[in-house]
Amino acid sequence: MKRRAVLAGLGALMLPGGARSEGRMIDDFSGDPGARWEFVSDRVMGGVSSGRVAFEPAGEGVALHLTGEVSTKNRGGFLQARRDLPQRLERGAQGLELRVKGNGARYYLHVRTPGAVMPWSFYQAGFEAPERWATVRVPFSAFAAKGGVIGGALKPQSVKSLGVVAYGADYTADLWVARIGVY
């Protein structure tokens, strides 16, 4: 497709318009998303970032809205909305697909597996959130192990939780996510 743009260095693909795969939906934020998602910041480890997660109408239905100020002071640097997955992902899944908009900043997906027992162990892949709604695909091959305790390639069928994260730099977070699925 000519209109696909590869996000340089991130391994993510931005699809045109409202393009959507036929994969399994992880969350469309209907029902009671506040019961499924939790907000965590670097304050749990002495950081000073401040923010919140809310579920608000967004022209695409209800969307997760992660906002705040990310600060790397005191060895911090993250704001995160995360949820446990009620079932594991399919073995043949190629990646995660998100419907997002934001302030053009870089954001991340963090996934955890049973081998990621320490809080700082996870697999991470980045994407950019453009100012207009876009569908972003993040292949599982783009996820890298972080935290030194886990290793090897991410196996989709081992993913037990998912986080949408503002991470690693001093900036204002303003990320909307209308849906997350698997392709």
C-alpha atoms as a PDB file:
ATOM      1  CA  MET A   1       0.000   0.000   0.000  1.00  0.00           C
ATOM      2  CA  LYS A   2       1.417   3.366  -0.959  1.00  0.00           C
ATOM      3  CA  ARG A   3      -0.173   5.158   1.985  1.00  0.00           C
ATOM      4  CA  ARG A   4       1.549   3.016   4.628  1.00  0.00           C
ATOM      5  CA  ALA A   5       4.320   4.816   6.443  1.00  0.00           C
ATOM      6  CA  VAL A   6       7.033   3.010   8.355  1.00  0.00           C
ATOM      7  CA  LEU A   7       7.829   4.772  11.601  1.00  0.00           C
ATOM      8  CA  ALA A   8      11.595   5.037  11.432  1.00  0.00           C
ATOM      9  CA  GLY A   9      13.496   2.958  13.932  1.00  0.00           C
ATOM     10  CA  LEU A  10      10.374   1.819  15.766  1.00  0.00           C
ATOM     11  CA  GLY A  11       9.304  -1.212  13.774  1.00  0.00           C
ATOM     12  CA  ALA A  12       5.686   0.015  13.792  1.00  0.00           C
ATOM     13  CA  LEU A  13       3.479   0.543  10.754  1.00  0.00           C
ATOM     14  CA  MET A  14       0.864   3.271  10.493  1.00  0.00           C
ATOM     15  CA  LEU A  15      -2.100   2.218   8.371  1.00  0.00           C
ATOM     16  CA  PRO A  16      -4.220   4.651   6.347  1.00  0.00           C
ATOM     17  CA  GLY A  17      -7.538   5.999   7.582  1.00  0.00           C
ATOM     18  CA  GLY A  18      -9.580   3.634   9.706  1.00  0.00           C
ATOM     19  CA  ALA A  19      -7.913   0.460   8.391  1.00  0.00           C
ATOM     20  CA  ARG A  20      -8.549  -2.442  10.695  1.00  0.00           C
ATOM     21  CA  SER A  21      -7.466  -6.056  10.756  1.00  0.00           C
ATOM     22  CA  GLU A  22      -9.668  -9.054  11.262  1.00  0.00           C
ATOM     23  CA  GLY A  23      -7.672 -10.195  14.310  1.00  0.00           C
ATOM     24  CA  ARG A  24      -8.935 -10.678  17.852  1.00  0.00           C
ATOM     25  CA  MET A  25      -9.934  -7.607  19.862  1.00  0.00           C
ATOM     26  CA  ILE A  26      -8.129  -7.217  23.182  1.00  0.00           C
ATOM     27  CA  ASP A  27     -10.005  -4.100  24.301  1.00  0.00           C
ATOM     28  CA  ASP A  28     -12.321  -1.522  22.763  1.00  0.00           C
ATOM     29  CA  PHE A  29     -12.880   0.157  26.153  1.00  0.00           C
ATOM     30  CA  SER A  30     -16.592  -0.628  26.210  1.00  0.00           C
ATOM     31  CA  GLY A  31     -18.391  -1.739  29.353  1.00  0.00           C
ATOM     32  CA  ASP A  32     -16.331  -0.932  32.446  1.00  0.00           C
ATOM     33  CA  PRO A  33     -12.711  -0.442  31.289  1.00  0.00           C
ATOM     34  CA  GLY A  34     -11.757   1.013  34.672  1.00  0.00           C
ATOM     35  CA  ALA A  35     -12.237  -2.458  36.119  1.00  0.00           C
ATOM     36  CA  ARG A  36      -9.760  -3.908  33.605  1.00  0.00           C
ATOM     37  CA  TRP A  37      -7.078  -1.210  33.480  1.00  0.00           C
ATOM     38  CA  GLU A  38      -4.924   0.262  36.235  1.00  0.00           C
ATOM     39  CA  PHE A  39      -2.701   3.339  36.314  1.00  0.00           C
ATOM     40  CA  VAL A  40       0.884   2.999  37.541  1.00  0.00           C
ATOM     41  CA  SER A  41       3.598   5.658  37.638  1.00  0.00           C
ATOM     42  CA  ASP A  42       7.254   5.755  38.582  1.00  0.00           C
ATOM     43  CA  ARG A  43       6.161   7.037  42.012  1.00  0.00           C
ATOM     44  CA  VAL A  44       5.987   3.367  43.090  1.00  0.00           C
ATOM     45  CA  MET A  45       9.818   3.444  42.983  1.00  0.00           C
ATOM     46  CA  GLY A  46      10.499   7.017  44.114  1.00  0.00           C
ATOM     47  CA  GLY A  47      10.067   8.827  40.790  1.00  0.00           C
ATOM     48  CA  VAL A  48       8.207  12.127  40.440  1.00  0.00           C
ATOM     49  CA  SER A  49       6.171  11.706  37.229  1.00  0.00           C
ATOM     50  CA  SER A  50       2.516  12.653  37.623  1.00  0.00           C
ATOM     51  CA  GLY A  51      -0.456  11.695  35.518  1.00  0.00           C
ATOM     52  CA  ARG A  52      -3.669   9.771  35.213  1.00  0.00           C
ATOM     53  CA  VAL A  53      -5.651   7.441  33.012  1.00  0.00           C
ATOM     54  CA  ALA A  54      -9.290   8.153  32.192  1.00  0.00           C
ATOM     55  CA  PHE A  55     -11.849   6.603  29.859  1.00  0.00           C
ATOM     56  CA  GLU A  56     -13.523   9.330  27.837  1.00  0.00           C
ATOM     57  CA  PRO A  57     -15.663   9.787  24.711  1.00  0.00           C
ATOM     58  CA  ALA A  58     -13.323  10.501  21.807  1.00  0.00           C
ATOM     59  CA  GLY A  59     -15.110  10.456  18.467  1.00  0.00           C
ATOM     60  CA  GLU A  60     -14.135   6.784  18.128  1.00  0.00           C
ATOM     61  CA  GLY A  61     -16.297   5.629  21.032  1.00  0.00           C
ATOM     62  CA  VAL A  62     -14.821   5.516  24.502  1.00  0.00           C
ATOM     63  CA  ALA A  63     -11.036   5.678  24.586  1.00  0.00           C
ATOM     64  CA  LEU A  64      -8.273   5.278  27.135  1.00  0.00           C
ATOM     65  CA  HIS A  65      -6.678   8.697  27.724  1.00  0.00           C
ATOM     66  CA  LEU A  66      -3.215   8.664  29.344  1.00  0.00           C
ATOM     67  CA  THR A  67      -2.038  12.141  30.367  1.00  0.00           C
ATOM     68  CA  GLY A  68       0.594  13.704  32.583  1.00  0.00           C
ATOM     69  CA  GLU A  69       4.163  14.840  32.975  1.00  0.00           C
ATOM     70  CA  VAL A  70       6.888  12.236  32.598  1.00  0.00           C
ATOM     71  CA  SER A  71      10.040  13.060  34.554  1.00  0.00           C
ATOM     72  CA  THR A  72      13.315  11.161  34.675  1.00  0.00           C
ATOM     73  CA  LYS A  73      14.227  12.755  38.031  1.00  0.00           C
ATOM     74  CA  ASN A  74      14.929  10.364  40.919  1.00  0.00           C
ATOM     75  CA  ARG A  75      15.588   7.532  38.426  1.00  0.00           C
ATOM     76  CA  GLY A  76      11.978   7.618  37.264  1.00  0.00           C
ATOM     77  CA  GLY A  77      10.438   8.188  33.881  1.00  0.00           C
ATOM     78  CA  PHE A  78       7.118   6.475  33.219  1.00  0.00           C
ATOM     79  CA  LEU A  79       3.341   6.673  33.289  1.00  0.00           C
ATOM     80  CA  GLN A  80       1.502   3.470  32.434  1.00  0.00           C
ATOM     81  CA  ALA A  81      -1.993   2.103  31.908  1.00  0.00           C
ATOM     82  CA  ARG A  82      -1.930  -1.685  32.083  1.00  0.00           C
ATOM     83  CA  ARG A  83      -4.165  -4.688  32.219  1.00  0.00           C
ATOM     84  CA  ASP A  84      -3.950  -8.426  32.656  1.00  0.00           C
ATOM     85  CA  LEU A  85      -5.130 -10.439  29.684  1.00  0.00           C
ATOM     86  CA  PRO A  86      -7.972 -12.875  30.432  1.00  0.00           C
ATOM     87  CA  GLN A  87      -6.619 -15.309  27.818  1.00  0.00           C
ATOM     88  CA  ARG A  88      -3.294 -15.771  26.095  1.00  0.00           C
ATOM     89  CA  LEU A  89      -2.719 -14.563  22.563  1.00  0.00           C
ATOM     90  CA  GLU A  90      -2.764 -16.965  19.641  1.00  0.00           C
ATOM     91  CA  ARG A  91       0.486 -18.711  18.732  1.00  0.00           C
ATOM     92  CA  GLY A  92       0.339 -17.426  15.131  1.00  0.00           C
ATOM     93  CA  ALA A  93      -0.340 -13.786  16.045  1.00  0.00           C
ATOM     94  CA  GLN A  94       1.979 -11.357  14.255  1.00  0.00           C
ATOM     95  CA  GLY A  95       1.586  -8.264  16.421  1.00  0.00           C
ATOM     96  CA  LEU A  96      -0.616  -5.737  18.162  1.00  0.00           C
ATOM     97  CA  GLU A  97      -2.807  -3.203  16.409  1.00  0.00           C
ATOM     98  CA  LEU A  98      -3.908   0.042  18.089  1.00  0.00           C
ATOM     99  CA  ARG A  99      -6.192   2.884  17.095  1.00  0.00           C
ATOM    100  CA  VAL A 100      -4.405   5.935  18.543  1.00  0.00           C
ATOM    101  CA  LYS A 101      -3.959   9.673  18.486  1.00  0.00           C
ATOM    102  CA  GLY A 102      -1.811  11.939  20.601  1.00  0.00           C
ATOM    103  CA  ASN A 103       0.692  14.733  20.609  1.00  0.00           C
ATOM    104  CA  GLY A 104       3.211  13.210  18.200  1.00  0.00           C
ATOM    105  CA  ALA A 105       5.377  11.870  21.019  1.00  0.00           C
ATOM    106  CA  ARG A 106       6.867   8.396  21.236  1.00  0.00           C
ATOM    107  CA  TYR A 107       4.962   5.920  23.383  1.00  0.00           C
ATOM    108  CA  TYR A 108       5.534   2.273  24.153  1.00  0.00           C
ATOM    109  CA  LEU A 109       3.816  -1.027  24.593  1.00  0.00           C
ATOM    110  CA  HIS A 110       5.092  -3.134  27.460  1.00  0.00           C
ATOM    111  CA  VAL A 111       4.112  -6.781  27.630  1.00  0.00           C
ATOM    112  CA  ARG A 112       4.896  -9.207  30.385  1.00  0.00           C
ATOM    113  CA  THR A 113       5.248 -12.969  30.296  1.00  0.00           C
ATOM    114  CA  PRO A 114       5.506 -15.540  33.113  1.00  0.00           C
ATOM    115  CA  GLY A 115       9.315 -15.228  32.855  1.00  0.00           C
ATOM    116  CA  ALA A 116       9.147 -11.486  33.676  1.00  0.00           C
ATOM    117  CA  VAL A 117       8.957 -11.911  37.447  1.00  0.00           C
ATOM    118  CA  MET A 118      10.695  -8.682  38.465  1.00  0.00           C
ATOM    119  CA  PRO A 119       8.710  -5.418  38.126  1.00  0.00           C
ATOM    120  CA  TRP A 120      11.359  -3.948  35.816  1.00  0.00           C
ATOM    121  CA  SER A 121      11.348  -6.971  33.449  1.00  0.00           C
ATOM    122  CA  PHE A 122       9.203  -6.696  30.324  1.00  0.00           C
ATOM    123  CA  TYR A 123       9.253  -6.669  26.545  1.00  0.00           C
ATOM    124  CA  GLN A 124       9.033  -3.205  24.954  1.00  0.00           C
ATOM    125  CA  ALA A 125       8.232  -1.783  21.516  1.00  0.00           C
ATOM    126  CA  GLY A 126       7.687   1.851  20.553  1.00  0.00           C
ATOM    127  CA  PHE A 127       5.300   3.770  18.339  1.00  0.00           C
ATOM    128  CA  GLU A 128       4.386   7.379  17.667  1.00  0.00           C
ATOM    129  CA  ALA A 129       0.892   8.756  18.278  1.00  0.00           C
ATOM    130  CA  PRO A 130       0.002  11.267  15.534  1.00  0.00           C
ATOM    131  CA  GLU A 131      -2.333  14.206  16.129  1.00  0.00           C
ATOM    132  CA  ARG A 132      -5.149  12.558  14.127  1.00  0.00           C
ATOM    133  CA  TRP A 133      -6.585   9.097  14.686  1.00  0.00           C
ATOM    134  CA  ALA A 134      -4.470   6.414  13.033  1.00  0.00           C
ATOM    135  CA  THR A 135      -4.174   2.657  13.162  1.00  0.00           C
ATOM    136  CA  VAL A 136      -0.701   1.533  14.222  1.00  0.00           C
ATOM    137  CA  ARG A 137       0.611  -2.008  13.949  1.00  0.00           C
ATOM    138  CA  VAL A 138       3.473  -3.125  16.171  1.00  0.00           C
ATOM    139  CA  PRO A 139       4.888  -6.529  15.177  1.00  0.00           C
ATOM    140  CA  PHE A 140       5.963  -8.894  17.945  1.00  0.00           C
ATOM    141  CA  SER A 141       9.388  -9.016  16.266  1.00  0.00           C
ATOM    142  CA  ALA A 142       9.839  -5.327  17.258  1.00  0.00           C
ATOM    143  CA  PHE A 143       9.604  -6.101  21.007  1.00  0.00           C
ATOM    144  CA  ALA A 144      12.924  -6.188  22.887  1.00  0.00           C
ATOM    145  CA  ALA A 145      13.510  -7.698  26.321  1.00  0.00           C
ATOM    146  CA  LYS A 146      14.192  -5.108  29.042  1.00  0.00           C
ATOM    147  CA  GLY A 147      15.324  -5.519  32.619  1.00  0.00           C
ATOM    148  CA  GLY A 148      18.103  -8.073  32.193  1.00  0.00           C
ATOM    149  CA  VAL A 149      16.204 -11.047  33.614  1.00  0.00           C
ATOM    150  CA  ILE A 150      14.308 -12.203  30.523  1.00  0.00           C
ATOM    151  CA  GLY A 151      15.694 -12.969  27.115  1.00  0.00           C
ATOM    152  CA  GLY A 152      14.956 -14.379  23.743  1.00  0.00           C
ATOM    153  CA  ALA A 153      12.253 -13.494  21.273  1.00  0.00           C
ATOM    154  CA  LEU A 154       8.781 -12.676  22.552  1.00  0.00           C
ATOM    155  CA  LYS A 155       6.329 -15.546  22.085  1.00  0.00           C
ATOM    156  CA  PRO A 156       2.781 -14.155  21.638  1.00  0.00           C
ATOM    157  CA  GLN A 157       1.182 -17.123  23.386  1.00  0.00           C
ATOM    158  CA  SER A 158       3.139 -16.295  26.562  1.00  0.00           C
ATOM    159  CA  VAL A 159       1.892 -12.684  26.926  1.00  0.00           C
ATOM    160  CA  LYS A 160      -0.054 -12.311  30.181  1.00  0.00           C
ATOM    161  CA  SER A 161      -0.368  -8.516  30.503  1.00  0.00           C
ATOM    162  CA  LEU A 162      -0.177  -5.396  28.379  1.00  0.00           C
ATOM    163  CA  GLY A 163       0.767  -1.804  29.187  1.00  0.00           C
ATOM    164  CA  VAL A 164       0.461   1.429  27.219  1.00  0.00           C
ATOM    165  CA  VAL A 165       3.322   3.597  28.440  1.00  0.00           C
ATOM    166  CA  ALA A 166       4.765   7.123  28.317  1.00  0.00           C
ATOM    167  CA  TYR A 167       8.400   6.336  29.044  1.00  0.00           C
ATOM    168  CA  GLY A 168      12.022   7.247  29.219  1.00  0.00           C
ATOM    169  CA  ALA A 169      12.224  11.016  28.676  1.00  0.00           C
ATOM    170  CA  ASP A 170      10.996  14.292  30.153  1.00  0.00           C
ATOM    171  CA  TYR A 171       7.813  15.192  28.258  1.00  0.00           C
ATOM    172  CA  THR A 172       4.082  15.807  28.416  1.00  0.00           C
ATOM    173  CA  ALA A 173       2.065  12.661  27.774  1.00  0.00           C
ATOM    174  CA  ASP A 174      -1.228  12.947  25.892  1.00  0.00           C
ATOM    175  CA  LEU A 175      -2.179   9.605  24.372  1.00  0.00           C
ATOM    176  CA  TRP A 176      -5.601   8.348  23.309  1.00  0.00           C
ATOM    177  CA  VAL A 177      -6.209   4.664  22.521  1.00  0.00           C
ATOM    178  CA  ALA A 178      -9.615   3.697  21.092  1.00  0.00           C
ATOM    179  CA  ARG A 179      -8.931  -0.013  20.652  1.00  0.00           C
ATOM    180  CA  ILE A 180      -6.218  -2.640  20.907  1.00  0.00           C
ATOM    181  CA  GLY A 181      -6.267  -5.897  19.015  1.00  0.00           C
ATOM    182  CA  VAL A 182      -4.114  -8.664  17.631  1.00  0.00           C
ATOM    183  CA  TYR A 183      -3.333  -9.137  13.950  1.00  0.00           C
END
